[in-house]
């Protein structure tokens, strides 16, 4: 891991501080939107789901930008009612809670988030995932705010398109907007990520930590 400053020490707690964190590969040991899709597919659509996900991975390997592959992911949910997908997310979170070893949180960031929460700092996820896939994470940190991908709707159903992929520069812009709206002192705040595309938003915080691991295949979520 690479660190800039001490993850906790250096500033007193307060509402002007925030903790901005990537999720997949930083907080969770799995890709939230890939695994949520697999849960949705179950056994009846397992082959279809794997073919769909392999198509996204192949595109990433061939140099298709993460913003594009992330947008393609949401075509899976086209025509699905928002309430049904939310209920699916609740059921997946129940399954995850029943098998915590299979759905583990990553250290050191998980413990750092616990410490930040105890200190009263606002926790903010900055992720290309979407809300129904993050319920297990939010159950551990109930006050976690979400800066995430927002699927477009037609009535009460997903269109399969999104407002915009929250990757790279879009993450940095989302953090800047959030900080301005909530009076967050970025110089007194913290940021965590695991990928080079996270560096832009991480550079905005006074203290940051980049969690580095062995090289992994390209993924869609950030």
C-alpha atoms as a PDB file:
ATOM      1  CA  UNK A   1       0.000   0.000   0.000  1.00  0.00           C
ATOM      2  CA  UNK A   2       1.053   3.580  -0.544  1.00  0.00           C
ATOM      3  CA  UNK A   3       0.270   6.197   2.055  1.00  0.00           C
ATOM      4  CA  UNK A   4       0.236   9.969   2.223  1.00  0.00           C
ATOM      5  CA  UNK A   5       0.208  11.148   5.822  1.00  0.00           C
ATOM      6  CA  UNK A   6      -1.214   9.229   8.759  1.00  0.00           C
ATOM      7  CA  UNK A   7      -4.627   7.668   8.038  1.00  0.00           C
ATOM      8  CA  UNK A   8      -6.151   8.846  11.330  1.00  0.00           C
ATOM      9  CA  UNK A   9      -3.928  11.242  13.255  1.00  0.00           C
ATOM     10  CA  UNK A  10      -3.362  14.851  12.405  1.00  0.00           C
ATOM     11  CA  UNK A  11      -6.763  16.541  12.722  1.00  0.00           C
ATOM     12  CA  UNK A  12      -9.459  16.725  15.329  1.00  0.00           C
ATOM     13  CA  UNK A  13     -12.795  15.169  14.473  1.00  0.00           C
ATOM     14  CA  UNK A  14     -15.596  17.366  13.232  1.00  0.00           C
ATOM     15  CA  UNK A  15     -18.395  17.712  10.762  1.00  0.00           C
ATOM     16  CA  UNK A  16     -16.106  19.532   8.319  1.00  0.00           C
ATOM     17  CA  UNK A  17     -14.114  16.345   7.811  1.00  0.00           C
ATOM     18  CA  UNK A  18     -15.110  13.557   5.447  1.00  0.00           C
ATOM     19  CA  UNK A  19     -13.735  10.206   4.385  1.00  0.00           C
ATOM     20  CA  UNK A  20     -14.050   9.495   0.655  1.00  0.00           C
ATOM     21  CA  UNK A  21     -13.522   5.857  -0.255  1.00  0.00           C
ATOM     22  CA  UNK A  22     -13.674   3.638  -3.282  1.00  0.00           C
ATOM     23  CA  UNK A  23     -15.493   0.348  -2.607  1.00  0.00           C
ATOM     24  CA  UNK A  24     -14.559  -2.549  -4.920  1.00  0.00           C
ATOM     25  CA  UNK A  25     -11.038  -3.745  -4.146  1.00  0.00           C
ATOM     26  CA  UNK A  26     -10.694  -1.137  -1.408  1.00  0.00           C
ATOM     27  CA  UNK A  27     -13.469  -1.969   1.055  1.00  0.00           C
ATOM     28  CA  UNK A  28     -14.842  -5.216  -0.380  1.00  0.00           C
ATOM     29  CA  UNK A  29     -12.835  -8.241  -1.494  1.00  0.00           C
ATOM     30  CA  UNK A  30     -15.218  -8.716  -4.433  1.00  0.00           C
ATOM     31  CA  UNK A  31     -16.709  -6.697  -7.263  1.00  0.00           C
ATOM     32  CA  UNK A  32     -20.104  -5.593  -5.961  1.00  0.00           C
ATOM     33  CA  UNK A  33     -21.898  -5.151  -9.266  1.00  0.00           C
ATOM     34  CA  UNK A  34     -20.521  -8.313 -10.885  1.00  0.00           C
ATOM     35  CA  UNK A  35     -21.488 -10.444  -7.900  1.00  0.00           C
ATOM     36  CA  UNK A  36     -24.882  -8.771  -7.586  1.00  0.00           C
ATOM     37  CA  UNK A  37     -25.555  -9.628 -11.229  1.00  0.00           C
ATOM     38  CA  UNK A  38     -24.558 -13.248 -10.579  1.00  0.00           C
ATOM     39  CA  UNK A  39     -26.933 -13.332  -7.618  1.00  0.00           C
ATOM     40  CA  UNK A  40     -29.704 -12.008  -9.829  1.00  0.00           C
ATOM     41  CA  UNK A  41     -28.983 -14.604 -12.512  1.00  0.00           C
ATOM     42  CA  UNK A  42     -28.979 -17.535 -10.095  1.00  0.00           C
ATOM     43  CA  UNK A  43     -28.710 -20.969 -11.655  1.00  0.00           C
ATOM     44  CA  UNK A  44     -31.348 -20.427 -14.331  1.00  0.00           C
ATOM     45  CA  UNK A  45     -29.392 -17.652 -16.093  1.00  0.00           C
ATOM     46  CA  UNK A  46     -25.905 -18.524 -14.928  1.00  0.00           C
ATOM     47  CA  UNK A  47     -24.459 -19.153 -18.410  1.00  0.00           C
ATOM     48  CA  UNK A  48     -26.022 -15.960 -19.748  1.00  0.00           C
ATOM     49  CA  UNK A  49     -24.583 -13.946 -16.866  1.00  0.00           C
ATOM     50  CA  UNK A  50     -21.079 -15.322 -17.299  1.00  0.00           C
ATOM     51  CA  UNK A  51     -21.164 -14.635 -21.027  1.00  0.00           C
ATOM     52  CA  UNK A  52     -22.334 -11.083 -20.357  1.00  0.00           C
ATOM     53  CA  UNK A  53     -19.627 -10.439 -17.757  1.00  0.00           C
ATOM     54  CA  UNK A  54     -16.916 -11.994 -19.908  1.00  0.00           C
ATOM     55  CA  UNK A  55     -17.925  -9.624 -22.674  1.00  0.00           C
ATOM     56  CA  UNK A  56     -17.306  -6.696 -20.343  1.00  0.00           C
ATOM     57  CA  UNK A  57     -13.953  -8.086 -19.200  1.00  0.00           C
ATOM     58  CA  UNK A  58     -12.883  -8.736 -22.802  1.00  0.00           C
ATOM     59  CA  UNK A  59     -13.772  -5.175 -23.754  1.00  0.00           C
ATOM     60  CA  UNK A  60     -11.678  -3.875 -20.854  1.00  0.00           C
ATOM     61  CA  UNK A  61      -8.735  -6.059 -21.873  1.00  0.00           C
ATOM     62  CA  UNK A  62      -9.006  -4.642 -25.382  1.00  0.00           C
ATOM     63  CA  UNK A  63      -8.686  -1.108 -24.106  1.00  0.00           C
ATOM     64  CA  UNK A  64     -12.305  -0.015 -23.983  1.00  0.00           C
ATOM     65  CA  UNK A  65     -12.484   2.766 -21.348  1.00  0.00           C
ATOM     66  CA  UNK A  66     -13.848   1.870 -17.937  1.00  0.00           C
ATOM     67  CA  UNK A  67     -16.553   4.489 -18.334  1.00  0.00           C
ATOM     68  CA  UNK A  68     -17.862   2.652 -21.393  1.00  0.00           C
ATOM     69  CA  UNK A  69     -17.754  -0.846 -19.924  1.00  0.00           C
ATOM     70  CA  UNK A  70     -19.405   0.413 -16.759  1.00  0.00           C
ATOM     71  CA  UNK A  71     -22.246   1.920 -18.792  1.00  0.00           C
ATOM     72  CA  UNK A  72     -22.665  -1.344 -20.714  1.00  0.00           C
ATOM     73  CA  UNK A  73     -23.060  -3.231 -17.440  1.00  0.00           C
ATOM     74  CA  UNK A  74     -26.343  -1.488 -16.666  1.00  0.00           C
ATOM     75  CA  UNK A  75     -27.996  -2.838 -19.800  1.00  0.00           C
ATOM     76  CA  UNK A  76     -28.474  -6.023 -17.767  1.00  0.00           C
ATOM     77  CA  UNK A  77     -31.092  -4.242 -15.658  1.00  0.00           C
ATOM     78  CA  UNK A  78     -33.090  -2.788 -18.559  1.00  0.00           C
ATOM     79  CA  UNK A  79     -36.837  -2.982 -17.917  1.00  0.00           C
ATOM     80  CA  UNK A  80     -36.493  -4.069 -14.298  1.00  0.00           C
ATOM     81  CA  UNK A  81     -38.574  -2.286 -11.681  1.00  0.00           C
ATOM     82  CA  UNK A  82     -36.538  -0.243  -9.221  1.00  0.00           C
ATOM     83  CA  UNK A  83     -38.425  -1.676  -6.237  1.00  0.00           C
ATOM     84  CA  UNK A  84     -37.782  -5.237  -7.384  1.00  0.00           C
ATOM     85  CA  UNK A  85     -34.046  -4.637  -7.766  1.00  0.00           C
ATOM     86  CA  UNK A  86     -33.933  -2.938  -4.375  1.00  0.00           C
ATOM     87  CA  UNK A  87     -35.670  -5.948  -2.818  1.00  0.00           C
ATOM     88  CA  UNK A  88     -33.175  -8.199  -4.599  1.00  0.00           C
ATOM     89  CA  UNK A  89     -30.378  -6.164  -3.018  1.00  0.00           C
ATOM     90  CA  UNK A  90     -31.890  -6.670   0.429  1.00  0.00           C
ATOM     91  CA  UNK A  91     -32.052 -10.428  -0.130  1.00  0.00           C
ATOM     92  CA  UNK A  92     -28.443 -10.463  -1.333  1.00  0.00           C
ATOM     93  CA  UNK A  93     -27.366  -8.517   1.744  1.00  0.00           C
ATOM     94  CA  UNK A  94     -29.132 -11.107   3.915  1.00  0.00           C
ATOM     95  CA  UNK A  95     -27.227 -13.897   2.140  1.00  0.00           C
ATOM     96  CA  UNK A  96     -23.960 -12.023   2.580  1.00  0.00           C
ATOM     97  CA  UNK A  97     -24.618 -11.466   6.282  1.00  0.00           C
ATOM     98  CA  UNK A  98     -25.181 -15.208   6.671  1.00  0.00           C
ATOM     99  CA  UNK A  99     -21.768 -16.034   5.145  1.00  0.00           C
ATOM    100  CA  UNK A 100     -19.421 -13.271   6.317  1.00  0.00           C
ATOM    101  CA  UNK A 101     -16.255 -15.196   5.422  1.00  0.00           C
ATOM    102  CA  UNK A 102     -17.396 -15.421   1.813  1.00  0.00           C
ATOM    103  CA  UNK A 103     -18.232 -11.712   1.640  1.00  0.00           C
ATOM    104  CA  UNK A 104     -15.378 -10.210   3.604  1.00  0.00           C
ATOM    105  CA  UNK A 105     -14.308  -6.595   4.003  1.00  0.00           C
ATOM    106  CA  UNK A 106     -10.735  -5.660   3.247  1.00  0.00           C
ATOM    107  CA  UNK A 107      -8.141  -4.478   5.705  1.00  0.00           C
ATOM    108  CA  UNK A 108      -6.807  -2.030   6.540  1.00  0.00           C
ATOM    109  CA  UNK A 109      -9.524   0.191   5.105  1.00  0.00           C
ATOM    110  CA  UNK A 110     -12.467  -1.515   6.844  1.00  0.00           C
ATOM    111  CA  UNK A 111     -10.961  -0.907  10.270  1.00  0.00           C
ATOM    112  CA  UNK A 112      -9.985   2.628   9.310  1.00  0.00           C
ATOM    113  CA  UNK A 113     -13.606   3.326   8.344  1.00  0.00           C
ATOM    114  CA  UNK A 114     -14.723   1.949  11.708  1.00  0.00           C
ATOM    115  CA  UNK A 115     -12.333   4.351  13.421  1.00  0.00           C
ATOM    116  CA  UNK A 116     -13.489   7.280  11.313  1.00  0.00           C
ATOM    117  CA  UNK A 117     -17.128   6.483  12.049  1.00  0.00           C
ATOM    118  CA  UNK A 118     -16.366   6.327  15.772  1.00  0.00           C
ATOM    119  CA  UNK A 119     -14.670   9.726  15.499  1.00  0.00           C
ATOM    120  CA  UNK A 120     -17.816  11.212  13.981  1.00  0.00           C
ATOM    121  CA  UNK A 121     -16.453  11.838  10.494  1.00  0.00           C
ATOM    122  CA  UNK A 122     -18.863  11.543   7.582  1.00  0.00           C
ATOM    123  CA  UNK A 123     -18.205   8.494   5.417  1.00  0.00           C
ATOM    124  CA  UNK A 124     -18.739   8.814   1.673  1.00  0.00           C
ATOM    125  CA  UNK A 125     -18.488   6.002  -0.865  1.00  0.00           C
ATOM    126  CA  UNK A 126     -17.182   7.094  -4.264  1.00  0.00           C
ATOM    127  CA  UNK A 127     -17.944   4.189  -6.562  1.00  0.00           C
ATOM    128  CA  UNK A 128     -19.097   3.133 -10.020  1.00  0.00           C
ATOM    129  CA  UNK A 129     -21.350   0.579  -8.356  1.00  0.00           C
ATOM    130  CA  UNK A 130     -25.002   1.370  -7.602  1.00  0.00           C
ATOM    131  CA  UNK A 131     -27.111   1.496  -4.479  1.00  0.00           C
ATOM    132  CA  UNK A 132     -28.833  -1.941  -4.526  1.00  0.00           C
ATOM    133  CA  UNK A 133     -25.457  -3.675  -4.807  1.00  0.00           C
ATOM    134  CA  UNK A 134     -24.075  -1.828  -1.774  1.00  0.00           C
ATOM    135  CA  UNK A 135     -26.602  -2.709   0.933  1.00  0.00           C
ATOM    136  CA  UNK A 136     -24.267  -5.157   2.680  1.00  0.00           C
ATOM    137  CA  UNK A 137     -21.642  -2.414   2.891  1.00  0.00           C
ATOM    138  CA  UNK A 138     -24.165   0.111   4.210  1.00  0.00           C
ATOM    139  CA  UNK A 139     -25.334  -2.309   6.882  1.00  0.00           C
ATOM    140  CA  UNK A 140     -21.846  -2.232   8.388  1.00  0.00           C
ATOM    141  CA  UNK A 141     -21.618   1.561   8.050  1.00  0.00           C
ATOM    142  CA  UNK A 142     -25.253   2.757   8.263  1.00  0.00           C
ATOM    143  CA  UNK A 143     -24.337   6.422   7.836  1.00  0.00           C
ATOM    144  CA  UNK A 144     -22.361   5.802   4.650  1.00  0.00           C
ATOM    145  CA  UNK A 145     -23.297   8.344   1.977  1.00  0.00           C
ATOM    146  CA  UNK A 146     -23.199   7.276  -1.663  1.00  0.00           C
ATOM    147  CA  UNK A 147     -21.625   9.005  -4.619  1.00  0.00           C
ATOM    148  CA  UNK A 148     -22.386   6.244  -7.089  1.00  0.00           C
ATOM    149  CA  UNK A 149     -23.662   5.478 -10.570  1.00  0.00           C
ATOM    150  CA  UNK A 150     -27.259   6.567 -11.105  1.00  0.00           C
ATOM    151  CA  UNK A 151     -29.237   4.462 -13.594  1.00  0.00           C
ATOM    152  CA  UNK A 152     -31.792   6.322 -15.703  1.00  0.00           C
ATOM    153  CA  UNK A 153     -35.476   5.541 -15.231  1.00  0.00           C
ATOM    154  CA  UNK A 154     -38.593   5.340 -17.360  1.00  0.00           C
ATOM    155  CA  UNK A 155     -41.380   5.503 -14.824  1.00  0.00           C
ATOM    156  CA  UNK A 156     -40.466   3.026 -12.098  1.00  0.00           C
ATOM    157  CA  UNK A 157     -38.146   0.895 -14.252  1.00  0.00           C
ATOM    158  CA  UNK A 158     -34.522   1.039 -15.335  1.00  0.00           C
ATOM    159  CA  UNK A 159     -33.857   2.026 -18.946  1.00  0.00           C
ATOM    160  CA  UNK A 160     -30.500   0.234 -19.061  1.00  0.00           C
ATOM    161  CA  UNK A 161     -28.675   3.549 -19.381  1.00  0.00           C
ATOM    162  CA  UNK A 162     -26.987   5.756 -16.796  1.00  0.00           C
ATOM    163  CA  UNK A 163     -26.455   9.444 -16.069  1.00  0.00           C
ATOM    164  CA  UNK A 164     -22.717   8.884 -16.372  1.00  0.00           C
ATOM    165  CA  UNK A 165     -20.104   6.421 -15.176  1.00  0.00           C
ATOM    166  CA  UNK A 166     -18.483   7.438 -11.906  1.00  0.00           C
ATOM    167  CA  UNK A 167     -14.880   6.672 -12.792  1.00  0.00           C
ATOM    168  CA  UNK A 168     -11.703   8.733 -13.029  1.00  0.00           C
ATOM    169  CA  UNK A 169     -12.320  12.464 -13.373  1.00  0.00           C
ATOM    170  CA  UNK A 170     -16.034  11.969 -12.679  1.00  0.00           C
ATOM    171  CA  UNK A 171     -15.159  10.711  -9.187  1.00  0.00           C
ATOM    172  CA  UNK A 172     -13.043  13.782  -8.539  1.00  0.00           C
ATOM    173  CA  UNK A 173     -15.819  16.084  -9.695  1.00  0.00           C
ATOM    174  CA  UNK A 174     -18.344  14.256  -7.513  1.00  0.00           C
ATOM    175  CA  UNK A 175     -16.098  14.724  -4.477  1.00  0.00           C
ATOM    176  CA  UNK A 176     -15.625  18.421  -5.212  1.00  0.00           C
ATOM    177  CA  UNK A 177     -19.372  18.924  -5.566  1.00  0.00           C
ATOM    178  CA  UNK A 178     -20.134  16.982  -2.373  1.00  0.00           C
ATOM    179  CA  UNK A 179     -17.512  18.914  -0.396  1.00  0.00           C
ATOM    180  CA  UNK A 180     -18.864  22.254  -1.602  1.00  0.00           C
ATOM    181  CA  UNK A 181     -22.476  21.326  -0.829  1.00  0.00           C
ATOM    182  CA  UNK A 182     -21.704  20.041   2.675  1.00  0.00           C
ATOM    183  CA  UNK A 183     -18.972  22.427   3.780  1.00  0.00           C
ATOM    184  CA  UNK A 184     -16.311  19.726   3.885  1.00  0.00           C
ATOM    185  CA  UNK A 185     -12.719  20.832   4.431  1.00  0.00           C
ATOM    186  CA  UNK A 186     -10.933  18.614   1.918  1.00  0.00           C
ATOM    187  CA  UNK A 187      -7.514  19.484   3.344  1.00  0.00           C
ATOM    188  CA  UNK A 188      -8.639  17.938   6.645  1.00  0.00           C
ATOM    189  CA  UNK A 189     -10.275  14.937   5.002  1.00  0.00           C
ATOM    190  CA  UNK A 190      -9.230  11.420   3.989  1.00  0.00           C
ATOM    191  CA  UNK A 191      -9.390   9.303   0.835  1.00  0.00           C
ATOM    192  CA  UNK A 192      -8.919   5.601   0.081  1.00  0.00           C
ATOM    193  CA  UNK A 193      -8.662   3.741  -3.223  1.00  0.00           C
ATOM    194  CA  UNK A 194      -7.003   0.805  -4.954  1.00  0.00           C
ATOM    195  CA  UNK A 195      -6.686   1.777  -8.621  1.00  0.00           C
ATOM    196  CA  UNK A 196      -4.847   4.427 -10.595  1.00  0.00           C
ATOM    197  CA  UNK A 197      -8.216   5.836 -11.680  1.00  0.00           C
ATOM    198  CA  UNK A 198      -8.889   6.679  -8.019  1.00  0.00           C
ATOM    199  CA  UNK A 199      -5.871   8.950  -7.746  1.00  0.00           C
ATOM    200  CA  UNK A 200      -7.668  12.012  -9.075  1.00  0.00           C
ATOM    201  CA  UNK A 201     -10.230  12.121  -6.271  1.00  0.00           C
ATOM    202  CA  UNK A 202      -7.692  10.947  -3.691  1.00  0.00           C
ATOM    203  CA  UNK A 203      -5.429  13.890  -4.517  1.00  0.00           C
ATOM    204  CA  UNK A 204      -8.141  16.249  -3.282  1.00  0.00           C
ATOM    205  CA  UNK A 205      -7.908  15.000   0.312  1.00  0.00           C
ATOM    206  CA  UNK A 206      -5.334  16.060   2.849  1.00  0.00           C
ATOM    207  CA  UNK A 207      -4.504  12.446   3.713  1.00  0.00           C
ATOM    208  CA  UNK A 208      -4.871   9.423   1.482  1.00  0.00           C
ATOM    209  CA  UNK A 209      -3.971   5.768   1.216  1.00  0.00           C
ATOM    210  CA  UNK A 210      -3.721   3.753  -1.992  1.00  0.00           C
ATOM    211  CA  UNK A 211      -4.134   0.048  -1.318  1.00  0.00           C
ATOM    212  CA  UNK A 212      -2.065  -1.871  -3.833  1.00  0.00           C
ATOM    213  CA  UNK A 213      -2.440  -5.582  -4.547  1.00  0.00           C
ATOM    214  CA  UNK A 214      -1.132  -8.097  -7.052  1.00  0.00           C
ATOM    215  CA  UNK A 215      -2.204  -7.340 -10.651  1.00  0.00           C
ATOM    216  CA  UNK A 216      -5.811  -8.295 -11.311  1.00  0.00           C
ATOM    217  CA  UNK A 217      -7.855  -8.667 -14.513  1.00  0.00           C
ATOM    218  CA  UNK A 218      -9.600  -5.473 -15.637  1.00  0.00           C
ATOM    219  CA  UNK A 219     -12.917  -4.849 -13.939  1.00  0.00           C
ATOM    220  CA  UNK A 220     -15.881  -2.588 -14.552  1.00  0.00           C
ATOM    221  CA  UNK A 221     -16.632  -1.105 -11.153  1.00  0.00           C
ATOM    222  CA  UNK A 222     -14.415   1.457  -9.550  1.00  0.00           C
END
